[in-house]
């Protein structure tokens, strides 16, 4: 299996692994993966993670090829390569994987010479979620993904760390992970603050989480400065192994289209996804999108001059002001849907 990144997308591979294991419990699985993603999924049972450092370039690809051949030994080639990433770097890296069958995306989703590196393709099914597209990689092998389970490898000490961050006093938790790696998908700090204050007034606890980048620190500081109420600031304090455990403690996570969205979904946490730049039907929280804000069609009409239904599936609308289409009232209404779902009398 080749899927290097990103954090959210690699969580979509876990149900595929479960499907392969259900059919063939003894199958030897090797996953060619990025470094950060490997830290998130370290400890995944019976899967050999081979890390490719994107900074290592062609020399790193050659080293990966040598490492794979060493693992194969007398077998010489893998029975199949599932090439689940179409970026140029991933396509070139796949050329260093010795495999009898080379399965890639359908032509509609191919780019950067993807077709040169594969010999078979998954079915062309437009209009499906990214997770279902990845799940269809088992179909050329004669299987179907009929159940979706994640089984994130989260160690006990990560759960213990998450439990130690605040006392459970009965208040539900609204967790805010405010930043995506795609800056134009990010919402405004003062709007996060307004939503957070509304939640506190409704009796909720606010917890901020995020990575160690300057943008995430600056965004969190701006949210805290704009809030009328205090919040627990855990931005930059967790590890990738602790993040899933932290997200699992929330009753609701608010976030743009981001890795934490999909990790939270995999951990069973409901997500208030903020969508304008991307289509929640394609890349929103897989299990439950009832609490998302969807301004994707509005964005398509404003910035591209056509309705979302007229766009190529997967089109991103990443313009500077696109996330201003998501209003505080939109987010509060989504929050109240979750609140009513938890307690119809609320």
C-alpha atoms as a PDB file:
ATOM      1  CA  UNK A   1       0.000   0.000   0.000  1.00  0.00           C
ATOM      2  CA  UNK A   2       1.309   3.440  -0.904  1.00  0.00           C
ATOM      3  CA  UNK A   3      -0.316   6.441   0.762  1.00  0.00           C
ATOM      4  CA  UNK A   4       2.186   8.943   2.124  1.00  0.00           C
ATOM      5  CA  UNK A   5      -0.093  11.693   3.428  1.00  0.00           C
ATOM      6  CA  UNK A   6      -1.936  13.479   4.871  1.00  0.00           C
ATOM      7  CA  UNK A   7      -3.037  12.796   8.451  1.00  0.00           C
ATOM      8  CA  UNK A   8      -6.715  12.779   7.561  1.00  0.00           C
ATOM      9  CA  UNK A   9      -6.282  10.725   4.411  1.00  0.00           C
ATOM     10  CA  UNK A  10      -4.260   7.984   6.068  1.00  0.00           C
ATOM     11  CA  UNK A  11      -7.105   7.413   8.534  1.00  0.00           C
ATOM     12  CA  UNK A  12      -9.244   6.595   5.482  1.00  0.00           C
ATOM     13  CA  UNK A  13      -6.921   3.658   4.727  1.00  0.00           C
ATOM     14  CA  UNK A  14      -7.653   1.912   8.039  1.00  0.00           C
ATOM     15  CA  UNK A  15     -11.060   0.518   6.954  1.00  0.00           C
ATOM     16  CA  UNK A  16      -9.397  -0.885   3.824  1.00  0.00           C
ATOM     17  CA  UNK A  17      -6.867  -2.681   6.019  1.00  0.00           C
ATOM     18  CA  UNK A  18      -9.736  -4.158   8.053  1.00  0.00           C
ATOM     19  CA  UNK A  19     -11.358  -5.388   4.821  1.00  0.00           C
ATOM     20  CA  UNK A  20      -8.135  -7.051   3.678  1.00  0.00           C
ATOM     21  CA  UNK A  21      -7.659  -8.646   7.100  1.00  0.00           C
ATOM     22  CA  UNK A  22     -11.237  -9.956   7.177  1.00  0.00           C
ATOM     23  CA  UNK A  23     -10.711 -11.708   3.852  1.00  0.00           C
ATOM     24  CA  UNK A  24      -7.112 -12.817   4.342  1.00  0.00           C
ATOM     25  CA  UNK A  25      -6.119 -12.868   8.032  1.00  0.00           C
ATOM     26  CA  UNK A  26      -2.569 -13.996   7.268  1.00  0.00           C
ATOM     27  CA  UNK A  27      -1.812 -11.557   4.442  1.00  0.00           C
ATOM     28  CA  UNK A  28       1.460  -9.660   4.852  1.00  0.00           C
ATOM     29  CA  UNK A  29       0.756  -5.927   4.560  1.00  0.00           C
ATOM     30  CA  UNK A  30       3.428  -3.283   3.965  1.00  0.00           C
ATOM     31  CA  UNK A  31       2.501   0.409   3.959  1.00  0.00           C
ATOM     32  CA  UNK A  32       4.747   3.025   2.364  1.00  0.00           C
ATOM     33  CA  UNK A  33       3.886   6.140   4.382  1.00  0.00           C
ATOM     34  CA  UNK A  34       5.079   9.626   5.353  1.00  0.00           C
ATOM     35  CA  UNK A  35       7.010  10.290   8.550  1.00  0.00           C
ATOM     36  CA  UNK A  36       4.362  12.224  10.485  1.00  0.00           C
ATOM     37  CA  UNK A  37       1.639   9.828   9.404  1.00  0.00           C
ATOM     38  CA  UNK A  38       3.777   6.910  10.591  1.00  0.00           C
ATOM     39  CA  UNK A  39       4.023   8.503  14.037  1.00  0.00           C
ATOM     40  CA  UNK A  40       0.243   8.752  14.177  1.00  0.00           C
ATOM     41  CA  UNK A  41      -0.250   5.102  13.189  1.00  0.00           C
ATOM     42  CA  UNK A  42       2.736   3.520  14.953  1.00  0.00           C
ATOM     43  CA  UNK A  43       1.634   0.293  16.578  1.00  0.00           C
ATOM     44  CA  UNK A  44      -0.859  -0.633  13.868  1.00  0.00           C
ATOM     45  CA  UNK A  45      -1.118  -4.414  14.313  1.00  0.00           C
ATOM     46  CA  UNK A  46       0.505  -6.621  11.686  1.00  0.00           C
ATOM     47  CA  UNK A  47       1.274  -3.813   9.242  1.00  0.00           C
ATOM     48  CA  UNK A  48       4.883  -3.100   8.307  1.00  0.00           C
ATOM     49  CA  UNK A  49       5.237   0.691   8.047  1.00  0.00           C
ATOM     50  CA  UNK A  50       8.022   1.797   5.691  1.00  0.00           C
ATOM     51  CA  UNK A  51       8.684   5.522   6.015  1.00  0.00           C
ATOM     52  CA  UNK A  52       9.583   7.728   3.095  1.00  0.00           C
ATOM     53  CA  UNK A  53      10.959  11.141   4.055  1.00  0.00           C
ATOM     54  CA  UNK A  54       9.697  13.611   1.471  1.00  0.00           C
ATOM     55  CA  UNK A  55      12.830  15.700   1.932  1.00  0.00           C
ATOM     56  CA  UNK A  56      15.091  12.841   0.855  1.00  0.00           C
ATOM     57  CA  UNK A  57      14.202  13.095  -2.819  1.00  0.00           C
ATOM     58  CA  UNK A  58      15.329  10.527  -5.355  1.00  0.00           C
ATOM     59  CA  UNK A  59      18.047   9.153  -3.072  1.00  0.00           C
ATOM     60  CA  UNK A  60      15.402   8.402  -0.470  1.00  0.00           C
ATOM     61  CA  UNK A  61      13.307   6.629  -3.076  1.00  0.00           C
ATOM     62  CA  UNK A  62      16.225   4.400  -3.983  1.00  0.00           C
ATOM     63  CA  UNK A  63      16.727   3.614  -0.297  1.00  0.00           C
ATOM     64  CA  UNK A  64      13.055   2.697   0.037  1.00  0.00           C
ATOM     65  CA  UNK A  65      13.410   0.371  -2.941  1.00  0.00           C
ATOM     66  CA  UNK A  66      16.378  -1.348  -1.300  1.00  0.00           C
ATOM     67  CA  UNK A  67      14.499  -1.654   1.993  1.00  0.00           C
ATOM     68  CA  UNK A  68      11.488  -3.206   0.279  1.00  0.00           C
ATOM     69  CA  UNK A  69      13.604  -5.727  -1.622  1.00  0.00           C
ATOM     70  CA  UNK A  70      15.316  -6.668   1.632  1.00  0.00           C
ATOM     71  CA  UNK A  71      11.931  -7.309   3.275  1.00  0.00           C
ATOM     72  CA  UNK A  72      10.721  -9.382   0.342  1.00  0.00           C
ATOM     73  CA  UNK A  73      13.710 -11.702   0.291  1.00  0.00           C
ATOM     74  CA  UNK A  74      13.091 -14.696  -1.953  1.00  0.00           C
ATOM     75  CA  UNK A  75       9.560 -13.509  -2.771  1.00  0.00           C
ATOM     76  CA  UNK A  76      11.200 -10.794  -4.916  1.00  0.00           C
ATOM     77  CA  UNK A  77       7.937  -8.959  -5.622  1.00  0.00           C
ATOM     78  CA  UNK A  78       4.749  -8.027  -3.817  1.00  0.00           C
ATOM     79  CA  UNK A  79       1.590  -9.682  -5.118  1.00  0.00           C
ATOM     80  CA  UNK A  80       0.011  -6.243  -5.510  1.00  0.00           C
ATOM     81  CA  UNK A  81       0.772  -2.565  -5.065  1.00  0.00           C
ATOM     82  CA  UNK A  82      -2.192  -0.383  -4.115  1.00  0.00           C
ATOM     83  CA  UNK A  83      -1.040   3.040  -5.374  1.00  0.00           C
ATOM     84  CA  UNK A  84      -3.478   5.282  -3.482  1.00  0.00           C
ATOM     85  CA  UNK A  85      -1.903   8.683  -4.156  1.00  0.00           C
ATOM     86  CA  UNK A  86      -1.715  10.533  -7.467  1.00  0.00           C
ATOM     87  CA  UNK A  87       0.805  13.289  -6.658  1.00  0.00           C
ATOM     88  CA  UNK A  88       3.947  13.305  -8.810  1.00  0.00           C
ATOM     89  CA  UNK A  89       6.226  12.396  -5.889  1.00  0.00           C
ATOM     90  CA  UNK A  90       4.090   9.397  -4.932  1.00  0.00           C
ATOM     91  CA  UNK A  91       3.833   8.258  -8.543  1.00  0.00           C
ATOM     92  CA  UNK A  92       7.608   8.329  -8.971  1.00  0.00           C
ATOM     93  CA  UNK A  93       8.140   6.572  -5.646  1.00  0.00           C
ATOM     94  CA  UNK A  94       5.784   3.795  -6.721  1.00  0.00           C
ATOM     95  CA  UNK A  95       8.209   2.966  -9.512  1.00  0.00           C
ATOM     96  CA  UNK A  96      10.652   1.699  -6.884  1.00  0.00           C
ATOM     97  CA  UNK A  97       8.123  -0.817  -5.533  1.00  0.00           C
ATOM     98  CA  UNK A  98       8.532  -4.292  -7.073  1.00  0.00           C
ATOM     99  CA  UNK A  99       5.015  -5.685  -7.585  1.00  0.00           C
ATOM    100  CA  UNK A 100       3.240  -8.154  -9.889  1.00  0.00           C
ATOM    101  CA  UNK A 101       0.071  -6.048 -10.023  1.00  0.00           C
ATOM    102  CA  UNK A 102      -0.007  -2.259  -9.866  1.00  0.00           C
ATOM    103  CA  UNK A 103      -3.461  -0.915  -9.006  1.00  0.00           C
ATOM    104  CA  UNK A 104      -4.204   2.807  -9.206  1.00  0.00           C
ATOM    105  CA  UNK A 105      -7.012   5.340  -9.528  1.00  0.00           C
ATOM    106  CA  UNK A 106      -9.484   5.542 -12.385  1.00  0.00           C
ATOM    107  CA  UNK A 107      -8.607   7.899 -15.229  1.00  0.00           C
ATOM    108  CA  UNK A 108     -10.892  10.685 -13.992  1.00  0.00           C
ATOM    109  CA  UNK A 109      -8.932  11.017 -10.754  1.00  0.00           C
ATOM    110  CA  UNK A 110      -5.479  10.450 -12.247  1.00  0.00           C
ATOM    111  CA  UNK A 111      -2.900  13.190 -12.702  1.00  0.00           C
ATOM    112  CA  UNK A 112       0.861  13.747 -12.792  1.00  0.00           C
ATOM    113  CA  UNK A 113       1.408  10.678 -15.043  1.00  0.00           C
ATOM    114  CA  UNK A 114      -0.327   8.363 -12.582  1.00  0.00           C
ATOM    115  CA  UNK A 115      -1.379   6.066 -15.426  1.00  0.00           C
ATOM    116  CA  UNK A 116       2.249   5.443 -16.419  1.00  0.00           C
ATOM    117  CA  UNK A 117       2.952   3.787 -13.058  1.00  0.00           C
ATOM    118  CA  UNK A 118      -0.140   1.550 -12.757  1.00  0.00           C
ATOM    119  CA  UNK A 119      -1.472  -1.316 -14.858  1.00  0.00           C
ATOM    120  CA  UNK A 120      -4.955  -1.695 -13.336  1.00  0.00           C
ATOM    121  CA  UNK A 121      -7.491   0.842 -12.086  1.00  0.00           C
ATOM    122  CA  UNK A 122     -10.233   1.018  -9.486  1.00  0.00           C
ATOM    123  CA  UNK A 123     -13.817   1.572 -10.717  1.00  0.00           C
ATOM    124  CA  UNK A 124     -14.720   5.078 -11.814  1.00  0.00           C
ATOM    125  CA  UNK A 125     -17.411   6.193  -9.350  1.00  0.00           C
ATOM    126  CA  UNK A 126     -17.810   9.974  -9.258  1.00  0.00           C
ATOM    127  CA  UNK A 127     -19.546  11.584  -6.334  1.00  0.00           C
ATOM    128  CA  UNK A 128     -18.239   9.361  -3.535  1.00  0.00           C
ATOM    129  CA  UNK A 129     -16.365  10.184  -0.336  1.00  0.00           C
ATOM    130  CA  UNK A 130     -12.577   9.930  -0.285  1.00  0.00           C
ATOM    131  CA  UNK A 131     -12.811   7.032   2.176  1.00  0.00           C
ATOM    132  CA  UNK A 132     -15.046   5.061  -0.195  1.00  0.00           C
ATOM    133  CA  UNK A 133     -12.680   5.738  -3.093  1.00  0.00           C
ATOM    134  CA  UNK A 134      -9.772   4.361  -1.061  1.00  0.00           C
ATOM    135  CA  UNK A 135     -11.932   1.436   0.046  1.00  0.00           C
ATOM    136  CA  UNK A 136     -12.557   0.492  -3.580  1.00  0.00           C
ATOM    137  CA  UNK A 137      -8.863  -0.410  -3.999  1.00  0.00           C
ATOM    138  CA  UNK A 138      -9.762  -3.881  -2.773  1.00  0.00           C
ATOM    139  CA  UNK A 139     -12.193  -4.453  -5.667  1.00  0.00           C
ATOM    140  CA  UNK A 140      -9.594  -5.419  -8.316  1.00  0.00           C
ATOM    141  CA  UNK A 141      -8.517  -8.044  -5.762  1.00  0.00           C
ATOM    142  CA  UNK A 142     -12.007  -9.533  -5.784  1.00  0.00           C
ATOM    143  CA  UNK A 143     -13.200  -7.976  -2.489  1.00  0.00           C
ATOM    144  CA  UNK A 144     -15.738  -5.326  -1.434  1.00  0.00           C
ATOM    145  CA  UNK A 145     -15.493  -2.999   1.551  1.00  0.00           C
ATOM    146  CA  UNK A 146     -18.801  -3.642   3.304  1.00  0.00           C
ATOM    147  CA  UNK A 147     -17.982  -2.325   6.778  1.00  0.00           C
ATOM    148  CA  UNK A 148     -16.089   0.729   7.945  1.00  0.00           C
ATOM    149  CA  UNK A 149     -13.969   0.408  11.089  1.00  0.00           C
ATOM    150  CA  UNK A 150     -10.879   2.351  12.050  1.00  0.00           C
ATOM    151  CA  UNK A 151      -9.217   0.726  15.085  1.00  0.00           C
ATOM    152  CA  UNK A 152      -6.814   3.619  15.575  1.00  0.00           C
ATOM    153  CA  UNK A 153      -3.714   2.440  17.469  1.00  0.00           C
ATOM    154  CA  UNK A 154      -3.911   4.655  20.572  1.00  0.00           C
ATOM    155  CA  UNK A 155      -1.802   3.462  23.538  1.00  0.00           C
ATOM    156  CA  UNK A 156      -3.077   3.475  27.122  1.00  0.00           C
ATOM    157  CA  UNK A 157      -0.581   6.146  28.168  1.00  0.00           C
ATOM    158  CA  UNK A 158      -2.022   8.511  25.540  1.00  0.00           C
ATOM    159  CA  UNK A 159      -5.508   8.050  26.982  1.00  0.00           C
ATOM    160  CA  UNK A 160      -4.088   8.604  30.480  1.00  0.00           C
ATOM    161  CA  UNK A 161      -2.481  11.857  29.343  1.00  0.00           C
ATOM    162  CA  UNK A 162      -5.756  13.045  27.829  1.00  0.00           C
ATOM    163  CA  UNK A 163      -7.690  12.212  31.011  1.00  0.00           C
ATOM    164  CA  UNK A 164      -5.203  14.224  33.064  1.00  0.00           C
ATOM    165  CA  UNK A 165      -5.759  17.478  31.138  1.00  0.00           C
ATOM    166  CA  UNK A 166      -9.040  18.384  32.888  1.00  0.00           C
ATOM    167  CA  UNK A 167     -11.349  16.949  35.507  1.00  0.00           C
ATOM    168  CA  UNK A 168     -14.606  15.512  34.285  1.00  0.00           C
ATOM    169  CA  UNK A 169     -17.140  17.716  36.061  1.00  0.00           C
ATOM    170  CA  UNK A 170     -20.085  16.746  33.889  1.00  0.00           C
ATOM    171  CA  UNK A 171     -19.803  19.619  31.447  1.00  0.00           C
ATOM    172  CA  UNK A 172     -19.730  18.597  27.777  1.00  0.00           C
ATOM    173  CA  UNK A 173     -16.634  19.643  25.853  1.00  0.00           C
ATOM    174  CA  UNK A 174     -16.492  21.719  22.691  1.00  0.00           C
ATOM    175  CA  UNK A 175     -12.984  21.269  21.334  1.00  0.00           C
ATOM    176  CA  UNK A 176     -11.607  23.725  18.789  1.00  0.00           C
ATOM    177  CA  UNK A 177      -8.899  22.674  16.338  1.00  0.00           C
ATOM    178  CA  UNK A 178      -8.837  25.915  14.354  1.00  0.00           C
ATOM    179  CA  UNK A 179      -6.298  25.344  11.596  1.00  0.00           C
ATOM    180  CA  UNK A 180      -5.942  23.280   8.464  1.00  0.00           C
ATOM    181  CA  UNK A 181      -2.643  22.911   6.622  1.00  0.00           C
ATOM    182  CA  UNK A 182      -4.445  24.723   3.773  1.00  0.00           C
ATOM    183  CA  UNK A 183      -4.594  28.288   5.101  1.00  0.00           C
ATOM    184  CA  UNK A 184      -7.523  29.354   2.921  1.00  0.00           C
ATOM    185  CA  UNK A 185      -9.725  26.720   4.582  1.00  0.00           C
ATOM    186  CA  UNK A 186      -9.279  28.376   7.991  1.00  0.00           C
ATOM    187  CA  UNK A 187     -12.088  30.265   9.717  1.00  0.00           C
ATOM    188  CA  UNK A 188     -11.726  33.620  11.490  1.00  0.00           C
ATOM    189  CA  UNK A 189     -10.529  33.754  15.135  1.00  0.00           C
ATOM    190  CA  UNK A 190     -13.237  36.182  16.273  1.00  0.00           C
ATOM    191  CA  UNK A 191     -15.889  33.841  14.888  1.00  0.00           C
ATOM    192  CA  UNK A 192     -14.424  30.865  16.725  1.00  0.00           C
ATOM    193  CA  UNK A 193     -14.499  33.030  19.864  1.00  0.00           C
ATOM    194  CA  UNK A 194     -18.157  33.949  19.380  1.00  0.00           C
ATOM    195  CA  UNK A 195     -19.110  30.286  18.956  1.00  0.00           C
ATOM    196  CA  UNK A 196     -17.040  29.323  22.002  1.00  0.00           C
ATOM    197  CA  UNK A 197     -18.656  31.982  24.193  1.00  0.00           C
ATOM    198  CA  UNK A 198     -22.084  30.796  23.087  1.00  0.00           C
ATOM    199  CA  UNK A 199     -21.136  27.236  24.089  1.00  0.00           C
ATOM    200  CA  UNK A 200     -19.855  28.387  27.510  1.00  0.00           C
ATOM    201  CA  UNK A 201     -23.113  30.259  28.089  1.00  0.00           C
ATOM    202  CA  UNK A 202     -24.858  26.940  27.358  1.00  0.00           C
ATOM    203  CA  UNK A 203     -22.792  25.174  30.030  1.00  0.00           C
ATOM    204  CA  UNK A 204     -19.991  23.695  27.920  1.00  0.00           C
ATOM    205  CA  UNK A 205     -16.242  23.602  28.516  1.00  0.00           C
ATOM    206  CA  UNK A 206     -13.957  24.937  25.752  1.00  0.00           C
ATOM    207  CA  UNK A 207     -10.661  23.215  24.905  1.00  0.00           C
ATOM    208  CA  UNK A 208      -8.296  24.447  22.185  1.00  0.00           C
ATOM    209  CA  UNK A 209      -5.930  22.006  20.497  1.00  0.00           C
ATOM    210  CA  UNK A 210      -3.505  22.175  17.596  1.00  0.00           C
ATOM    211  CA  UNK A 211       0.067  21.720  16.514  1.00  0.00           C
ATOM    212  CA  UNK A 212       3.255  23.648  17.139  1.00  0.00           C
ATOM    213  CA  UNK A 213       3.316  25.906  14.078  1.00  0.00           C
ATOM    214  CA  UNK A 214       3.446  29.683  14.428  1.00  0.00           C
ATOM    215  CA  UNK A 215       0.098  29.979  12.623  1.00  0.00           C
ATOM    216  CA  UNK A 216      -1.635  27.662  15.082  1.00  0.00           C
ATOM    217  CA  UNK A 217      -0.170  29.502  18.053  1.00  0.00           C
ATOM    218  CA  UNK A 218      -1.154  32.904  16.658  1.00  0.00           C
ATOM    219  CA  UNK A 219      -4.662  31.713  15.811  1.00  0.00           C
ATOM    220  CA  UNK A 220      -5.201  30.239  19.265  1.00  0.00           C
ATOM    221  CA  UNK A 221      -3.951  33.451  20.918  1.00  0.00           C
ATOM    222  CA  UNK A 222      -6.359  35.498  18.807  1.00  0.00           C
ATOM    223  CA  UNK A 223      -9.283  33.245  19.758  1.00  0.00           C
ATOM    224  CA  UNK A 224      -8.451  33.452  23.465  1.00  0.00           C
ATOM    225  CA  UNK A 225      -8.069  37.236  23.285  1.00  0.00           C
ATOM    226  CA  UNK A 226     -11.483  37.608  21.632  1.00  0.00           C
ATOM    227  CA  UNK A 227     -13.351  35.334  24.074  1.00  0.00           C
ATOM    228  CA  UNK A 228     -15.358  36.648  27.036  1.00  0.00           C
ATOM    229  CA  UNK A 229     -14.826  33.363  28.916  1.00  0.00           C
ATOM    230  CA  UNK A 230     -11.709  31.354  29.740  1.00  0.00           C
ATOM    231  CA  UNK A 231     -10.748  28.244  27.768  1.00  0.00           C
ATOM    232  CA  UNK A 232      -8.243  25.438  28.276  1.00  0.00           C
ATOM    233  CA  UNK A 233      -5.333  26.004  25.885  1.00  0.00           C
ATOM    234  CA  UNK A 234      -3.641  22.750  24.829  1.00  0.00           C
ATOM    235  CA  UNK A 235      -2.287  24.015  21.506  1.00  0.00           C
ATOM    236  CA  UNK A 236       1.169  22.574  20.908  1.00  0.00           C
ATOM    237  CA  UNK A 237       1.078  20.406  24.030  1.00  0.00           C
ATOM    238  CA  UNK A 238       0.089  17.011  22.662  1.00  0.00           C
ATOM    239  CA  UNK A 239       1.866  14.472  20.462  1.00  0.00           C
ATOM    240  CA  UNK A 240       0.452  12.742  17.412  1.00  0.00           C
ATOM    241  CA  UNK A 241      -0.221   9.659  19.551  1.00  0.00           C
ATOM    242  CA  UNK A 242      -1.993  11.754  22.190  1.00  0.00           C
ATOM    243  CA  UNK A 243      -4.128  13.699  19.699  1.00  0.00           C
ATOM    244  CA  UNK A 244      -6.658  10.909  19.007  1.00  0.00           C
ATOM    245  CA  UNK A 245      -7.105  10.328  22.740  1.00  0.00           C
ATOM    246  CA  UNK A 246      -7.606  14.050  23.296  1.00  0.00           C
ATOM    247  CA  UNK A 247     -10.187  14.306  20.509  1.00  0.00           C
ATOM    248  CA  UNK A 248     -12.035  11.307  21.931  1.00  0.00           C
ATOM    249  CA  UNK A 249     -12.770  13.270  25.132  1.00  0.00           C
ATOM    250  CA  UNK A 250     -14.826  15.908  23.299  1.00  0.00           C
ATOM    251  CA  UNK A 251     -18.557  15.789  22.685  1.00  0.00           C
ATOM    252  CA  UNK A 252     -18.033  17.984  19.624  1.00  0.00           C
ATOM    253  CA  UNK A 253     -14.994  19.131  17.639  1.00  0.00           C
ATOM    254  CA  UNK A 254     -15.187  22.315  15.559  1.00  0.00           C
ATOM    255  CA  UNK A 255     -12.618  22.495  12.777  1.00  0.00           C
ATOM    256  CA  UNK A 256     -12.183  23.266   9.096  1.00  0.00           C
ATOM    257  CA  UNK A 257     -11.472  20.458   6.628  1.00  0.00           C
ATOM    258  CA  UNK A 258      -8.376  19.085   8.375  1.00  0.00           C
ATOM    259  CA  UNK A 259      -6.596  16.020   9.705  1.00  0.00           C
ATOM    260  CA  UNK A 260      -8.103  16.358  13.198  1.00  0.00           C
ATOM    261  CA  UNK A 261     -11.584  16.263  11.616  1.00  0.00           C
ATOM    262  CA  UNK A 262     -10.989  12.760  10.309  1.00  0.00           C
ATOM    263  CA  UNK A 263      -9.059  11.546  13.343  1.00  0.00           C
ATOM    264  CA  UNK A 264     -11.914  12.705  15.595  1.00  0.00           C
ATOM    265  CA  UNK A 265     -14.416  10.930  13.363  1.00  0.00           C
ATOM    266  CA  UNK A 266     -12.325   7.756  13.565  1.00  0.00           C
ATOM    267  CA  UNK A 267     -12.398   8.020  17.374  1.00  0.00           C
ATOM    268  CA  UNK A 268     -16.200   8.357  17.432  1.00  0.00           C
ATOM    269  CA  UNK A 269     -16.357  12.094  18.192  1.00  0.00           C
ATOM    270  CA  UNK A 270     -18.972  14.218  16.439  1.00  0.00           C
ATOM    271  CA  UNK A 271     -17.599  16.986  14.227  1.00  0.00           C
ATOM    272  CA  UNK A 272     -18.825  20.488  13.457  1.00  0.00           C
ATOM    273  CA  UNK A 273     -16.986  20.819  10.154  1.00  0.00           C
ATOM    274  CA  UNK A 274     -16.667  24.268   8.593  1.00  0.00           C
ATOM    275  CA  UNK A 275     -16.943  23.871   4.823  1.00  0.00           C
ATOM    276  CA  UNK A 276     -16.814  26.431   2.066  1.00  0.00           C
ATOM    277  CA  UNK A 277     -13.505  25.737   0.330  1.00  0.00           C
ATOM    278  CA  UNK A 278     -14.178  21.992   0.100  1.00  0.00           C
ATOM    279  CA  UNK A 279     -17.200  19.760  -0.357  1.00  0.00           C
ATOM    280  CA  UNK A 280     -18.266  17.979   2.858  1.00  0.00           C
ATOM    281  CA  UNK A 281     -19.888  15.196   0.809  1.00  0.00           C
ATOM    282  CA  UNK A 282     -16.422  14.330  -0.505  1.00  0.00           C
ATOM    283  CA  UNK A 283     -14.112  15.163   2.386  1.00  0.00           C
ATOM    284  CA  UNK A 284     -16.232  15.891   5.442  1.00  0.00           C
ATOM    285  CA  UNK A 285     -16.442  13.681   8.555  1.00  0.00           C
ATOM    286  CA  UNK A 286     -17.370  10.302   7.117  1.00  0.00           C
ATOM    287  CA  UNK A 287     -19.694   8.935   9.778  1.00  0.00           C
ATOM    288  CA  UNK A 288     -21.960  11.888  10.493  1.00  0.00           C
ATOM    289  CA  UNK A 289     -22.224  15.230   8.704  1.00  0.00           C
ATOM    290  CA  UNK A 290     -25.384  16.437  10.444  1.00  0.00           C
ATOM    291  CA  UNK A 291     -23.449  19.018  12.462  1.00  0.00           C
ATOM    292  CA  UNK A 292     -21.397  20.482   9.606  1.00  0.00           C
ATOM    293  CA  UNK A 293     -21.774  23.915   8.034  1.00  0.00           C
ATOM    294  CA  UNK A 294     -21.943  23.600   4.254  1.00  0.00           C
ATOM    295  CA  UNK A 295     -21.349  26.782   2.248  1.00  0.00           C
ATOM    296  CA  UNK A 296     -19.638  24.975  -0.637  1.00  0.00           C
ATOM    297  CA  UNK A 297     -22.406  25.719  -3.138  1.00  0.00           C
ATOM    298  CA  UNK A 298     -22.411  29.392  -2.100  1.00  0.00           C
ATOM    299  CA  UNK A 299     -18.646  29.477  -2.633  1.00  0.00           C
ATOM    300  CA  UNK A 300     -18.960  27.877  -6.068  1.00  0.00           C
ATOM    301  CA  UNK A 301     -21.525  30.451  -7.182  1.00  0.00           C
ATOM    302  CA  UNK A 302     -19.591  33.423  -5.768  1.00  0.00           C
ATOM    303  CA  UNK A 303     -16.050  32.540  -6.792  1.00  0.00           C
ATOM    304  CA  UNK A 304     -16.511  30.255  -9.807  1.00  0.00           C
ATOM    305  CA  UNK A 305     -19.784  31.526 -11.189  1.00  0.00           C
ATOM    306  CA  UNK A 306     -21.575  28.184 -11.244  1.00  0.00           C
ATOM    307  CA  UNK A 307     -23.385  25.891  -8.786  1.00  0.00           C
ATOM    308  CA  UNK A 308     -21.452  23.165  -6.991  1.00  0.00           C
ATOM    309  CA  UNK A 309     -23.329  20.520  -8.976  1.00  0.00           C
ATOM    310  CA  UNK A 310     -21.671  21.848 -12.146  1.00  0.00           C
ATOM    311  CA  UNK A 311     -18.118  21.496 -10.779  1.00  0.00           C
ATOM    312  CA  UNK A 312     -15.790  18.567 -11.305  1.00  0.00           C
ATOM    313  CA  UNK A 313     -16.033  16.312  -8.245  1.00  0.00           C
ATOM    314  CA  UNK A 314     -13.320  17.238  -5.769  1.00  0.00           C
ATOM    315  CA  UNK A 315     -12.881  20.841  -6.919  1.00  0.00           C
ATOM    316  CA  UNK A 316     -11.368  23.021  -4.190  1.00  0.00           C
ATOM    317  CA  UNK A 317     -12.523  26.644  -3.915  1.00  0.00           C
ATOM    318  CA  UNK A 318      -9.554  28.038  -2.002  1.00  0.00           C
ATOM    319  CA  UNK A 319      -9.844  31.805  -2.358  1.00  0.00           C
ATOM    320  CA  UNK A 320      -8.717  34.332   0.247  1.00  0.00           C
ATOM    321  CA  UNK A 321     -12.201  35.239   1.497  1.00  0.00           C
ATOM    322  CA  UNK A 322     -14.021  31.981   0.937  1.00  0.00           C
ATOM    323  CA  UNK A 323     -14.372  31.089   4.620  1.00  0.00           C
ATOM    324  CA  UNK A 324     -16.083  34.392   5.387  1.00  0.00           C
ATOM    325  CA  UNK A 325     -19.151  32.722   3.866  1.00  0.00           C
ATOM    326  CA  UNK A 326     -19.381  30.613   7.045  1.00  0.00           C
ATOM    327  CA  UNK A 327     -21.116  32.863   9.579  1.00  0.00           C
ATOM    328  CA  UNK A 328     -21.238  32.716  13.355  1.00  0.00           C
ATOM    329  CA  UNK A 329     -24.968  32.033  13.090  1.00  0.00           C
ATOM    330  CA  UNK A 330     -24.203  29.033  10.841  1.00  0.00           C
ATOM    331  CA  UNK A 331     -21.844  27.583  13.425  1.00  0.00           C
ATOM    332  CA  UNK A 332     -24.158  28.288  16.368  1.00  0.00           C
ATOM    333  CA  UNK A 333     -27.025  26.588  14.535  1.00  0.00           C
ATOM    334  CA  UNK A 334     -24.815  23.528  13.940  1.00  0.00           C
ATOM    335  CA  UNK A 335     -23.751  23.543  17.594  1.00  0.00           C
ATOM    336  CA  UNK A 336     -27.395  23.682  18.683  1.00  0.00           C
ATOM    337  CA  UNK A 337     -28.195  20.703  16.440  1.00  0.00           C
ATOM    338  CA  UNK A 338     -25.569  18.715  18.300  1.00  0.00           C
ATOM    339  CA  UNK A 339     -26.818  19.962  21.655  1.00  0.00           C
ATOM    340  CA  UNK A 340     -30.385  18.927  20.810  1.00  0.00           C
ATOM    341  CA  UNK A 341     -29.118  15.565  19.571  1.00  0.00           C
ATOM    342  CA  UNK A 342     -27.489  14.953  22.961  1.00  0.00           C
ATOM    343  CA  UNK A 343     -30.502  16.202  24.952  1.00  0.00           C
ATOM    344  CA  UNK A 344     -33.758  16.867  23.110  1.00  0.00           C
ATOM    345  CA  UNK A 345     -34.917  18.987  26.061  1.00  0.00           C
ATOM    346  CA  UNK A 346     -31.936  21.360  25.772  1.00  0.00           C
END
